[in-house]
């Protein structure tokens, strides 16, 4: 089974992925994270202020993402460099993903490419209030990307929100399951695994 997890920045995709991988550990699931498919910075589009817009669909190597997913489905291993915002290409850790009968794919745009979307047997959409998403992004970017509050606010207003409206929002119609990640994560998690278990059966 191939399960896709999508949602806006700060919606809780990575947290849910970790919980699902742990819950289904007996199946030794394979994991494909779209973050590891960001194009090099010198190939990214920049806005009028010179900032790279990582929230555009074009920021991701969609073709390689699809190709590697097909490789896993065919029972072949996938080798990919782990992405790091402040890590140079030569310093990035090499990741080897072994094939499995259970595959999780996660990222902003896992529903964007039709060729990928059609391979997903369960499509999970993370739904989170925008103010909560912003607070999570603010904490992450200050801690992991060395950005200050003003820089995070700029990206949020000029990149995150417009890209969500233009590219992510229209993809929500493709979701099979909406995970409401606002108040009670545990209740939603129980509801989700029940849904997945029924699909597996």
N, C-alpha and C. Protein backbone atom coordinates (compact mmCIF):
# COMPACT_ATOMS: atom_id res chain seq x y z
N UNK A 1 0.84 -1.19 0.00
CA UNK A 1 0.00 0.00 0.00
C UNK A 1 0.88 1.25 0.00
N UNK A 2 0.47 2.24 -0.75
CA UNK A 2 1.21 3.50 -0.83
C UNK A 2 0.34 4.60 -0.23
N UNK A 3 0.87 5.26 0.80
CA UNK A 3 0.12 6.27 1.54
C UNK A 3 0.82 7.61 1.40
N UNK A 4 0.09 8.63 0.96
CA UNK A 4 0.65 9.97 0.80
C UNK A 4 0.15 10.91 1.87
N UNK A 5 1.05 11.75 2.38
CA UNK A 5 0.71 12.74 3.40
C UNK A 5 1.06 14.12 2.86
N UNK A 6 0.06 14.99 2.77
CA UNK A 6 0.28 16.35 2.27
C UNK A 6 -0.35 17.36 3.23
N UNK A 7 -0.07 18.64 2.97
CA UNK A 7 -0.60 19.70 3.81
C UNK A 7 0.32 20.90 3.77
N UNK A 8 -0.14 22.01 4.25
CA UNK A 8 0.64 23.24 4.23
C UNK A 8 1.84 23.20 5.15
N UNK A 9 2.67 24.21 5.03
CA UNK A 9 3.85 24.33 5.88
C UNK A 9 3.42 24.46 7.35
N UNK A 10 4.01 23.64 8.22
CA UNK A 10 3.68 23.70 9.63
C UNK A 10 2.40 22.99 10.02
N UNK A 11 1.85 22.21 9.11
CA UNK A 11 0.57 21.53 9.40
C UNK A 11 0.75 20.26 10.22
N UNK A 12 1.99 19.76 10.32
CA UNK A 12 2.23 18.57 11.13
C UNK A 12 2.50 17.31 10.33
N UNK A 13 2.88 17.46 9.07
CA UNK A 13 3.13 16.30 8.19
C UNK A 13 4.22 15.39 8.75
N UNK A 14 5.34 15.97 9.14
CA UNK A 14 6.46 15.17 9.61
C UNK A 14 6.13 14.45 10.90
N UNK A 15 5.43 15.12 11.80
CA UNK A 15 5.02 14.50 13.06
C UNK A 15 4.12 13.30 12.81
N UNK A 16 3.16 13.47 11.92
CA UNK A 16 2.26 12.36 11.60
C UNK A 16 3.03 11.23 10.94
N UNK A 17 3.94 11.55 10.03
CA UNK A 17 4.73 10.52 9.37
C UNK A 17 5.49 9.68 10.39
N UNK A 18 6.13 10.31 11.34
CA UNK A 18 6.90 9.58 12.36
C UNK A 18 6.00 8.67 13.18
N UNK A 19 4.83 9.16 13.53
CA UNK A 19 3.90 8.34 14.31
C UNK A 19 3.42 7.14 13.51
N UNK A 20 3.13 7.33 12.24
CA UNK A 20 2.66 6.23 11.41
C UNK A 20 3.76 5.19 11.17
N UNK A 21 4.98 5.66 10.93
CA UNK A 21 6.10 4.73 10.73
C UNK A 21 6.31 3.90 11.99
N UNK A 22 6.19 4.51 13.14
CA UNK A 22 6.34 3.78 14.40
C UNK A 22 5.18 2.80 14.61
N UNK A 23 3.98 3.25 14.30
CA UNK A 23 2.80 2.42 14.51
C UNK A 23 2.83 1.18 13.62
N UNK A 24 3.31 1.35 12.39
CA UNK A 24 3.35 0.24 11.43
C UNK A 24 4.75 -0.34 11.28
N UNK A 25 5.55 -0.22 12.33
CA UNK A 25 6.94 -0.67 12.27
C UNK A 25 7.05 -2.15 11.92
N UNK A 26 6.07 -2.94 12.30
CA UNK A 26 6.12 -4.38 12.01
C UNK A 26 6.14 -4.66 10.51
N UNK A 27 5.67 -3.71 9.72
CA UNK A 27 5.67 -3.87 8.26
C UNK A 27 6.96 -3.35 7.61
N UNK A 28 7.84 -2.78 8.44
CA UNK A 28 9.09 -2.19 7.94
C UNK A 28 8.83 -1.28 6.74
N UNK A 29 8.05 -0.21 6.95
CA UNK A 29 7.66 0.66 5.84
C UNK A 29 8.83 1.42 5.22
N UNK A 30 8.70 1.70 3.94
CA UNK A 30 9.64 2.57 3.23
C UNK A 30 9.10 3.99 3.31
N UNK A 31 10.00 4.97 3.36
CA UNK A 31 9.60 6.37 3.48
C UNK A 31 10.30 7.19 2.42
N UNK A 32 9.51 7.99 1.72
CA UNK A 32 10.05 8.90 0.70
C UNK A 32 9.58 10.31 1.05
N UNK A 33 10.53 11.16 1.48
CA UNK A 33 10.20 12.53 1.88
C UNK A 33 10.53 13.49 0.74
N UNK A 34 9.54 14.29 0.36
CA UNK A 34 9.73 15.21 -0.76
C UNK A 34 10.74 16.30 -0.46
N UNK A 35 10.99 16.59 0.80
CA UNK A 35 12.00 17.59 1.16
C UNK A 35 13.36 17.25 0.56
N UNK A 36 13.64 15.96 0.40
CA UNK A 36 14.94 15.54 -0.12
C UNK A 36 15.04 15.69 -1.63
N UNK A 37 14.01 16.27 -2.24
CA UNK A 37 14.00 16.46 -3.68
C UNK A 37 13.99 17.93 -4.08
N UNK A 38 14.33 18.81 -3.13
CA UNK A 38 14.47 20.22 -3.49
C UNK A 38 15.65 20.38 -4.45
N UNK A 39 15.43 21.20 -5.46
CA UNK A 39 16.50 21.50 -6.41
C UNK A 39 17.59 22.33 -5.71
N UNK A 40 18.83 22.30 -6.22
CA UNK A 40 19.89 23.14 -5.64
C UNK A 40 19.47 24.61 -5.65
N UNK A 41 20.02 25.37 -4.72
CA UNK A 41 19.63 26.77 -4.58
C UNK A 41 19.88 27.59 -5.85
N UNK A 42 20.94 27.24 -6.59
CA UNK A 42 21.24 28.02 -7.80
C UNK A 42 20.27 27.69 -8.96
N UNK A 43 19.38 26.73 -8.76
CA UNK A 43 18.38 26.39 -9.76
C UNK A 43 16.97 26.84 -9.35
N UNK A 44 16.88 27.49 -8.20
CA UNK A 44 15.57 27.90 -7.68
C UNK A 44 15.17 29.28 -8.21
N UNK A 45 13.86 29.50 -8.25
CA UNK A 45 13.33 30.81 -8.64
C UNK A 45 13.41 31.76 -7.45
N UNK A 46 13.72 33.02 -7.74
CA UNK A 46 13.78 34.03 -6.69
C UNK A 46 12.72 35.10 -6.94
N UNK A 47 12.27 35.74 -5.86
CA UNK A 47 11.27 36.79 -6.01
C UNK A 47 11.95 38.14 -6.29
N UNK A 48 11.17 39.20 -6.35
CA UNK A 48 11.70 40.52 -6.69
C UNK A 48 12.67 41.06 -5.65
N UNK A 49 12.64 40.49 -4.45
CA UNK A 49 13.57 40.92 -3.40
C UNK A 49 14.80 40.02 -3.31
N UNK A 50 14.89 39.04 -4.21
CA UNK A 50 16.04 38.16 -4.22
C UNK A 50 15.93 36.94 -3.32
N UNK A 51 14.75 36.72 -2.74
CA UNK A 51 14.54 35.57 -1.87
C UNK A 51 14.14 34.35 -2.70
N UNK A 52 14.72 33.19 -2.40
CA UNK A 52 14.30 31.95 -3.04
C UNK A 52 12.93 31.56 -2.50
N UNK A 53 12.03 31.20 -3.41
CA UNK A 53 10.70 30.77 -3.00
C UNK A 53 10.66 29.24 -3.00
N UNK A 54 10.89 28.65 -1.82
CA UNK A 54 10.88 27.20 -1.69
C UNK A 54 9.48 26.62 -1.64
N UNK A 55 8.45 27.46 -1.64
CA UNK A 55 7.08 26.98 -1.53
C UNK A 55 6.41 26.78 -2.88
N UNK A 56 7.11 27.05 -3.96
CA UNK A 56 6.57 26.81 -5.29
C UNK A 56 6.70 25.33 -5.66
N UNK A 57 5.79 24.79 -6.45
CA UNK A 57 5.93 23.41 -6.93
C UNK A 57 7.21 23.20 -7.72
N UNK A 58 7.68 24.26 -8.40
CA UNK A 58 8.89 24.16 -9.22
C UNK A 58 10.16 24.04 -8.38
N UNK A 59 10.05 24.23 -7.07
CA UNK A 59 11.22 24.12 -6.19
C UNK A 59 11.65 22.67 -6.02
N UNK A 60 10.76 21.75 -6.39
CA UNK A 60 10.99 20.33 -6.17
C UNK A 60 11.25 19.61 -7.50
N UNK A 61 12.18 18.69 -7.47
CA UNK A 61 12.46 17.85 -8.63
C UNK A 61 11.37 16.78 -8.72
N UNK A 62 10.26 17.16 -9.32
CA UNK A 62 9.09 16.29 -9.38
C UNK A 62 9.36 15.01 -10.17
N UNK A 63 10.12 15.11 -11.23
CA UNK A 63 10.41 13.94 -12.07
C UNK A 63 11.19 12.89 -11.30
N UNK A 64 12.21 13.31 -10.55
CA UNK A 64 13.01 12.36 -9.78
C UNK A 64 12.20 11.74 -8.65
N UNK A 65 11.33 12.56 -8.05
CA UNK A 65 10.47 12.04 -6.99
C UNK A 65 9.58 10.92 -7.51
N UNK A 66 8.97 11.16 -8.66
CA UNK A 66 8.12 10.14 -9.28
C UNK A 66 8.93 8.90 -9.66
N UNK A 67 10.09 9.12 -10.24
CA UNK A 67 10.94 8.02 -10.67
C UNK A 67 11.35 7.13 -9.50
N UNK A 68 11.72 7.76 -8.38
CA UNK A 68 12.15 6.98 -7.21
C UNK A 68 10.98 6.23 -6.58
N UNK A 69 9.81 6.82 -6.59
CA UNK A 69 8.64 6.12 -6.07
C UNK A 69 8.35 4.88 -6.92
N UNK A 70 8.45 5.01 -8.22
CA UNK A 70 8.25 3.86 -9.12
C UNK A 70 9.29 2.78 -8.84
N UNK A 71 10.53 3.19 -8.59
CA UNK A 71 11.58 2.22 -8.27
C UNK A 71 11.21 1.42 -7.02
N UNK A 72 10.72 2.08 -5.99
CA UNK A 72 10.33 1.38 -4.77
C UNK A 72 9.19 0.40 -5.04
N UNK A 73 8.23 0.83 -5.83
CA UNK A 73 7.11 -0.04 -6.17
C UNK A 73 7.59 -1.27 -6.93
N UNK A 74 8.61 -1.09 -7.74
CA UNK A 74 9.17 -2.21 -8.53
C UNK A 74 10.10 -3.10 -7.70
N UNK A 75 10.26 -2.77 -6.42
CA UNK A 75 11.10 -3.58 -5.55
C UNK A 75 12.56 -3.24 -5.58
N UNK A 76 12.90 -2.03 -6.03
CA UNK A 76 14.28 -1.59 -6.11
C UNK A 76 14.57 -0.56 -5.01
N UNK A 77 15.79 -0.54 -4.53
CA UNK A 77 16.17 0.44 -3.51
C UNK A 77 16.40 1.80 -4.15
N UNK A 78 16.32 2.84 -3.31
CA UNK A 78 16.49 4.21 -3.76
C UNK A 78 17.60 4.87 -2.94
N UNK A 79 18.52 5.54 -3.63
CA UNK A 79 19.60 6.26 -2.96
C UNK A 79 19.42 7.75 -3.22
N UNK A 80 19.41 8.53 -2.15
CA UNK A 80 19.16 9.98 -2.27
C UNK A 80 19.91 10.72 -1.18
N UNK A 81 20.39 11.92 -1.50
CA UNK A 81 21.04 12.76 -0.50
C UNK A 81 19.98 13.42 0.39
N UNK A 82 20.20 13.43 1.69
CA UNK A 82 19.28 14.08 2.63
C UNK A 82 19.39 15.60 2.48
N UNK A 83 18.24 16.26 2.42
CA UNK A 83 18.24 17.71 2.24
C UNK A 83 18.46 18.42 3.57
N UNK A 84 19.25 19.49 3.53
CA UNK A 84 19.42 20.36 4.69
C UNK A 84 19.49 21.79 4.22
N UNK A 85 18.69 22.67 4.79
CA UNK A 85 18.60 24.06 4.34
C UNK A 85 19.95 24.75 4.38
N UNK A 86 20.72 24.48 5.43
CA UNK A 86 22.02 25.15 5.59
C UNK A 86 23.19 24.19 5.37
N UNK A 87 22.92 23.07 4.70
CA UNK A 87 23.97 22.06 4.50
C UNK A 87 24.39 22.04 3.03
N UNK A 88 25.69 22.14 2.78
CA UNK A 88 26.20 22.10 1.42
C UNK A 88 26.04 20.71 0.83
N UNK A 89 25.96 20.65 -0.50
CA UNK A 89 25.72 19.39 -1.18
C UNK A 89 26.68 18.27 -0.79
N UNK A 90 27.97 18.59 -0.68
CA UNK A 90 28.96 17.57 -0.37
C UNK A 90 28.84 17.04 1.05
N UNK A 91 28.22 17.82 1.92
CA UNK A 91 28.10 17.43 3.32
C UNK A 91 26.80 16.68 3.63
N UNK A 92 25.92 16.60 2.65
CA UNK A 92 24.63 15.96 2.88
C UNK A 92 24.76 14.45 3.01
N UNK A 93 24.04 13.90 3.96
CA UNK A 93 24.09 12.47 4.23
C UNK A 93 23.36 11.69 3.15
N UNK A 94 23.91 10.56 2.79
CA UNK A 94 23.29 9.71 1.77
C UNK A 94 22.28 8.78 2.43
N UNK A 95 21.07 8.77 1.88
CA UNK A 95 20.00 7.94 2.41
C UNK A 95 19.70 6.80 1.44
N UNK A 96 19.57 5.60 1.97
CA UNK A 96 19.19 4.45 1.16
C UNK A 96 17.84 3.95 1.67
N UNK A 97 16.86 3.95 0.79
CA UNK A 97 15.52 3.49 1.13
C UNK A 97 15.28 2.15 0.47
N UNK A 98 14.98 1.14 1.30
CA UNK A 98 14.73 -0.19 0.77
C UNK A 98 13.24 -0.35 0.46
N UNK A 99 12.90 -1.14 -0.54
CA UNK A 99 11.50 -1.33 -0.90
C UNK A 99 10.71 -2.03 0.20
N UNK A 100 9.43 -1.83 0.20
CA UNK A 100 8.55 -2.43 1.20
C UNK A 100 7.15 -2.55 0.61
N UNK A 101 6.34 -3.39 1.21
CA UNK A 101 4.95 -3.51 0.77
C UNK A 101 4.12 -2.34 1.29
N UNK A 102 4.69 -1.57 2.24
CA UNK A 102 4.03 -0.37 2.76
C UNK A 102 4.97 0.81 2.55
N UNK A 103 4.50 1.79 1.78
CA UNK A 103 5.33 2.96 1.44
C UNK A 103 4.61 4.23 1.87
N UNK A 104 5.31 5.09 2.60
CA UNK A 104 4.80 6.41 2.96
C UNK A 104 5.54 7.46 2.14
N UNK A 105 4.79 8.36 1.53
CA UNK A 105 5.39 9.52 0.87
C UNK A 105 4.83 10.77 1.52
N UNK A 106 5.70 11.75 1.74
CA UNK A 106 5.28 12.93 2.50
C UNK A 106 5.89 14.19 1.92
N UNK A 107 5.09 15.26 1.87
CA UNK A 107 5.61 16.53 1.39
C UNK A 107 4.50 17.49 0.99
N UNK A 108 4.90 18.73 0.75
CA UNK A 108 3.95 19.77 0.35
C UNK A 108 3.14 19.37 -0.88
N UNK A 109 3.85 18.82 -1.87
CA UNK A 109 3.23 18.64 -3.18
C UNK A 109 3.13 17.18 -3.63
N UNK A 110 2.85 16.27 -2.71
CA UNK A 110 2.73 14.87 -3.13
C UNK A 110 1.43 14.62 -3.91
N UNK A 111 0.48 15.57 -3.84
CA UNK A 111 -0.74 15.45 -4.65
C UNK A 111 -0.64 16.24 -5.96
N UNK A 112 0.44 16.97 -6.15
CA UNK A 112 0.53 17.91 -7.27
C UNK A 112 0.70 17.21 -8.62
N UNK A 113 1.61 16.26 -8.68
CA UNK A 113 1.91 15.57 -9.94
C UNK A 113 0.94 14.41 -10.12
N UNK A 114 0.19 14.41 -11.20
CA UNK A 114 -0.83 13.38 -11.43
C UNK A 114 -0.23 11.99 -11.44
N UNK A 115 0.97 11.85 -12.01
CA UNK A 115 1.61 10.54 -12.07
C UNK A 115 1.89 9.98 -10.68
N UNK A 116 2.23 10.86 -9.73
CA UNK A 116 2.43 10.44 -8.34
C UNK A 116 1.09 10.23 -7.66
N UNK A 117 0.21 11.18 -7.83
CA UNK A 117 -1.11 11.12 -7.17
C UNK A 117 -1.86 9.83 -7.49
N UNK A 118 -1.76 9.39 -8.74
CA UNK A 118 -2.48 8.19 -9.15
C UNK A 118 -1.91 6.92 -8.54
N UNK A 119 -0.68 6.99 -8.03
CA UNK A 119 -0.07 5.82 -7.40
C UNK A 119 -0.45 5.70 -5.92
N UNK A 120 -0.97 6.78 -5.34
CA UNK A 120 -1.30 6.78 -3.92
C UNK A 120 -2.63 6.09 -3.67
N UNK A 121 -2.61 5.10 -2.79
CA UNK A 121 -3.84 4.38 -2.47
C UNK A 121 -4.60 5.02 -1.32
N UNK A 122 -3.90 5.75 -0.47
CA UNK A 122 -4.52 6.54 0.58
C UNK A 122 -3.87 7.92 0.56
N UNK A 123 -4.67 8.97 0.43
CA UNK A 123 -4.16 10.34 0.39
C UNK A 123 -4.65 11.07 1.64
N UNK A 124 -3.70 11.42 2.51
CA UNK A 124 -4.02 12.08 3.78
C UNK A 124 -3.68 13.56 3.67
N UNK A 125 -4.63 14.39 4.05
CA UNK A 125 -4.42 15.84 4.04
C UNK A 125 -4.41 16.36 5.47
N UNK A 126 -3.34 17.04 5.85
CA UNK A 126 -3.25 17.67 7.17
C UNK A 126 -3.94 19.03 7.12
N UNK A 127 -4.90 19.22 8.01
CA UNK A 127 -5.63 20.48 8.08
C UNK A 127 -5.35 21.13 9.43
N UNK A 128 -4.75 22.32 9.39
CA UNK A 128 -4.35 23.02 10.60
C UNK A 128 -4.64 24.51 10.45
N UNK A 129 -5.07 25.14 11.53
CA UNK A 129 -5.35 26.57 11.50
C UNK A 129 -4.07 27.33 11.14
N UNK A 130 -4.22 28.39 10.35
CA UNK A 130 -3.05 29.09 9.82
C UNK A 130 -2.20 29.73 10.90
N UNK A 131 -2.82 30.24 11.95
CA UNK A 131 -2.00 30.87 13.00
C UNK A 131 -1.13 29.84 13.71
N UNK A 132 -1.64 28.62 13.84
CA UNK A 132 -0.86 27.55 14.45
C UNK A 132 0.26 27.11 13.51
N UNK A 133 -0.04 27.04 12.22
CA UNK A 133 0.98 26.70 11.22
C UNK A 133 2.11 27.73 11.26
N UNK A 134 1.73 29.01 11.35
CA UNK A 134 2.75 30.06 11.35
C UNK A 134 3.66 29.94 12.58
N UNK A 135 3.07 29.69 13.75
CA UNK A 135 3.87 29.58 14.96
C UNK A 135 4.85 28.41 14.86
N UNK A 136 4.41 27.31 14.27
CA UNK A 136 5.30 26.15 14.10
C UNK A 136 6.43 26.48 13.13
N UNK A 137 6.08 27.16 12.04
CA UNK A 137 7.10 27.53 11.05
C UNK A 137 8.09 28.51 11.66
N UNK A 138 7.60 29.45 12.45
CA UNK A 138 8.47 30.42 13.09
C UNK A 138 9.49 29.74 13.99
N UNK A 139 9.04 28.79 14.81
CA UNK A 139 9.94 28.07 15.70
C UNK A 139 10.96 27.25 14.91
N UNK A 140 10.50 26.56 13.87
CA UNK A 140 11.40 25.73 13.08
C UNK A 140 12.46 26.55 12.38
N UNK A 141 12.03 27.63 11.71
CA UNK A 141 12.98 28.40 10.90
C UNK A 141 13.97 29.17 11.76
N UNK A 142 13.56 29.60 12.94
CA UNK A 142 14.50 30.27 13.83
C UNK A 142 15.52 29.28 14.38
N UNK A 143 15.06 28.06 14.66
CA UNK A 143 15.94 27.05 15.26
C UNK A 143 16.81 26.36 14.23
N UNK A 144 16.23 25.95 13.09
CA UNK A 144 16.94 25.11 12.14
C UNK A 144 17.54 25.88 10.97
N UNK A 145 17.01 27.06 10.67
CA UNK A 145 17.47 27.78 9.48
C UNK A 145 18.12 29.12 9.79
N UNK A 146 18.23 29.44 11.06
CA UNK A 146 18.89 30.68 11.50
C UNK A 146 18.25 31.93 10.91
N UNK A 147 16.93 31.89 10.73
CA UNK A 147 16.21 33.06 10.24
C UNK A 147 15.63 33.82 11.43
N UNK A 148 15.56 35.17 11.31
CA UNK A 148 14.94 35.94 12.37
C UNK A 148 13.43 36.06 12.10
N UNK A 149 12.73 36.65 13.04
CA UNK A 149 11.27 36.72 12.94
C UNK A 149 10.82 37.50 11.71
N UNK A 150 11.51 38.58 11.39
CA UNK A 150 11.14 39.39 10.23
C UNK A 150 11.30 38.61 8.92
N UNK A 151 12.35 37.81 8.84
CA UNK A 151 12.57 37.00 7.64
C UNK A 151 11.50 35.92 7.49
N UNK A 152 11.14 35.31 8.61
CA UNK A 152 10.09 34.29 8.58
C UNK A 152 8.76 34.91 8.18
N UNK A 153 8.45 36.08 8.72
CA UNK A 153 7.21 36.77 8.37
C UNK A 153 7.17 37.12 6.89
N UNK A 154 8.30 37.54 6.35
CA UNK A 154 8.36 37.89 4.93
C UNK A 154 8.02 36.67 4.08
N UNK A 155 8.67 35.54 4.37
CA UNK A 155 8.42 34.33 3.60
C UNK A 155 6.97 33.87 3.76
N UNK A 156 6.45 33.99 4.97
CA UNK A 156 5.08 33.55 5.23
C UNK A 156 4.08 34.35 4.39
N UNK A 157 4.24 35.66 4.37
CA UNK A 157 3.29 36.52 3.67
C UNK A 157 3.48 36.49 2.15
N UNK A 158 4.73 36.38 1.70
CA UNK A 158 5.01 36.51 0.27
C UNK A 158 5.19 35.19 -0.47
N UNK A 159 5.46 34.11 0.28
CA UNK A 159 5.67 32.82 -0.36
C UNK A 159 4.64 31.78 0.10
N UNK A 160 4.58 31.54 1.41
CA UNK A 160 3.76 30.44 1.94
C UNK A 160 2.29 30.63 1.63
N UNK A 161 1.73 31.76 2.04
CA UNK A 161 0.29 31.97 1.86
C UNK A 161 -0.13 32.04 0.38
N UNK A 162 0.58 32.81 -0.47
CA UNK A 162 0.19 32.83 -1.88
C UNK A 162 0.29 31.46 -2.55
N UNK A 163 1.33 30.71 -2.23
CA UNK A 163 1.49 29.38 -2.84
C UNK A 163 0.42 28.41 -2.33
N UNK A 164 0.05 28.56 -1.09
CA UNK A 164 -1.03 27.73 -0.57
C UNK A 164 -2.33 28.00 -1.32
N UNK A 165 -2.64 29.27 -1.50
CA UNK A 165 -3.88 29.64 -2.20
C UNK A 165 -3.86 29.20 -3.65
N UNK A 166 -2.72 29.35 -4.32
CA UNK A 166 -2.65 29.10 -5.75
C UNK A 166 -2.42 27.64 -6.12
N UNK A 167 -1.67 26.91 -5.28
CA UNK A 167 -1.27 25.57 -5.68
C UNK A 167 -1.75 24.45 -4.75
N UNK A 168 -1.75 24.69 -3.45
CA UNK A 168 -2.11 23.63 -2.51
C UNK A 168 -3.62 23.50 -2.31
N UNK A 169 -4.28 24.63 -2.15
CA UNK A 169 -5.72 24.60 -1.91
C UNK A 169 -6.48 23.83 -3.00
N UNK A 170 -6.17 24.03 -4.28
CA UNK A 170 -6.89 23.28 -5.32
C UNK A 170 -6.65 21.77 -5.27
N UNK A 171 -5.59 21.32 -4.57
CA UNK A 171 -5.28 19.90 -4.50
C UNK A 171 -6.03 19.18 -3.39
N UNK A 172 -6.66 19.94 -2.50
CA UNK A 172 -7.33 19.32 -1.35
C UNK A 172 -8.46 18.40 -1.77
N UNK A 173 -9.03 18.63 -2.92
CA UNK A 173 -10.14 17.80 -3.39
C UNK A 173 -9.71 16.35 -3.65
N UNK A 174 -8.40 16.11 -3.77
CA UNK A 174 -7.90 14.77 -4.05
C UNK A 174 -7.69 13.94 -2.78
N UNK A 175 -7.88 14.53 -1.61
CA UNK A 175 -7.63 13.82 -0.35
C UNK A 175 -8.72 12.78 -0.07
N UNK A 176 -8.30 11.65 0.48
CA UNK A 176 -9.24 10.62 0.94
C UNK A 176 -9.58 10.81 2.41
N UNK A 177 -8.64 11.41 3.16
CA UNK A 177 -8.80 11.53 4.61
C UNK A 177 -8.25 12.89 5.05
N UNK A 178 -9.06 13.68 5.74
CA UNK A 178 -8.62 14.96 6.29
C UNK A 178 -8.30 14.80 7.77
N UNK A 179 -7.05 15.06 8.13
CA UNK A 179 -6.58 14.94 9.50
C UNK A 179 -6.61 16.33 10.13
N UNK A 180 -7.55 16.54 11.05
CA UNK A 180 -7.72 17.85 11.69
C UNK A 180 -6.71 17.97 12.84
N UNK A 181 -5.61 18.65 12.57
CA UNK A 181 -4.51 18.74 13.54
C UNK A 181 -4.51 20.08 14.26
N UNK A 182 -5.58 20.33 15.01
CA UNK A 182 -5.69 21.59 15.74
C UNK A 182 -5.72 21.39 17.25
N UNK A 183 -6.54 20.48 17.71
CA UNK A 183 -6.74 20.32 19.16
C UNK A 183 -6.35 18.93 19.64
N UNK A 184 -6.96 17.91 19.07
CA UNK A 184 -6.80 16.55 19.59
C UNK A 184 -6.10 15.65 18.57
N UNK A 185 -4.78 15.70 18.56
CA UNK A 185 -4.00 14.89 17.63
C UNK A 185 -4.25 13.41 17.85
N UNK A 186 -4.30 12.97 19.11
CA UNK A 186 -4.43 11.55 19.42
C UNK A 186 -5.75 10.99 18.91
N UNK A 187 -6.83 11.73 19.08
CA UNK A 187 -8.13 11.26 18.60
C UNK A 187 -8.12 11.11 17.09
N UNK A 188 -7.54 12.07 16.40
CA UNK A 188 -7.46 12.00 14.95
C UNK A 188 -6.56 10.85 14.50
N UNK A 189 -5.50 10.61 15.26
CA UNK A 189 -4.58 9.52 14.90
C UNK A 189 -5.29 8.17 14.99
N UNK A 190 -6.06 7.98 16.04
CA UNK A 190 -6.82 6.74 16.20
C UNK A 190 -7.80 6.57 15.04
N UNK A 191 -8.46 7.66 14.69
CA UNK A 191 -9.41 7.62 13.58
C UNK A 191 -8.70 7.28 12.26
N UNK A 192 -7.50 7.83 12.08
CA UNK A 192 -6.76 7.59 10.85
C UNK A 192 -6.28 6.14 10.74
N UNK A 193 -5.68 5.61 11.79
CA UNK A 193 -5.16 4.24 11.69
C UNK A 193 -6.30 3.24 11.53
N UNK A 194 -7.45 3.54 12.09
CA UNK A 194 -8.62 2.68 11.86
C UNK A 194 -8.97 2.69 10.37
N UNK A 195 -8.94 3.87 9.77
CA UNK A 195 -9.23 3.99 8.34
C UNK A 195 -8.21 3.22 7.51
N UNK A 196 -6.91 3.40 7.83
CA UNK A 196 -5.87 2.71 7.07
C UNK A 196 -5.98 1.20 7.26
N UNK A 197 -6.20 0.75 8.48
CA UNK A 197 -6.32 -0.68 8.74
C UNK A 197 -7.46 -1.30 7.92
N UNK A 198 -8.55 -0.59 7.81
CA UNK A 198 -9.66 -1.08 7.00
C UNK A 198 -9.27 -1.19 5.53
N UNK A 199 -8.50 -0.23 5.06
CA UNK A 199 -8.04 -0.26 3.66
C UNK A 199 -7.04 -1.40 3.44
N UNK A 200 -6.17 -1.63 4.43
CA UNK A 200 -5.20 -2.73 4.32
C UNK A 200 -5.91 -4.07 4.25
N UNK A 201 -6.94 -4.23 5.07
CA UNK A 201 -7.69 -5.48 5.06
C UNK A 201 -8.37 -5.72 3.71
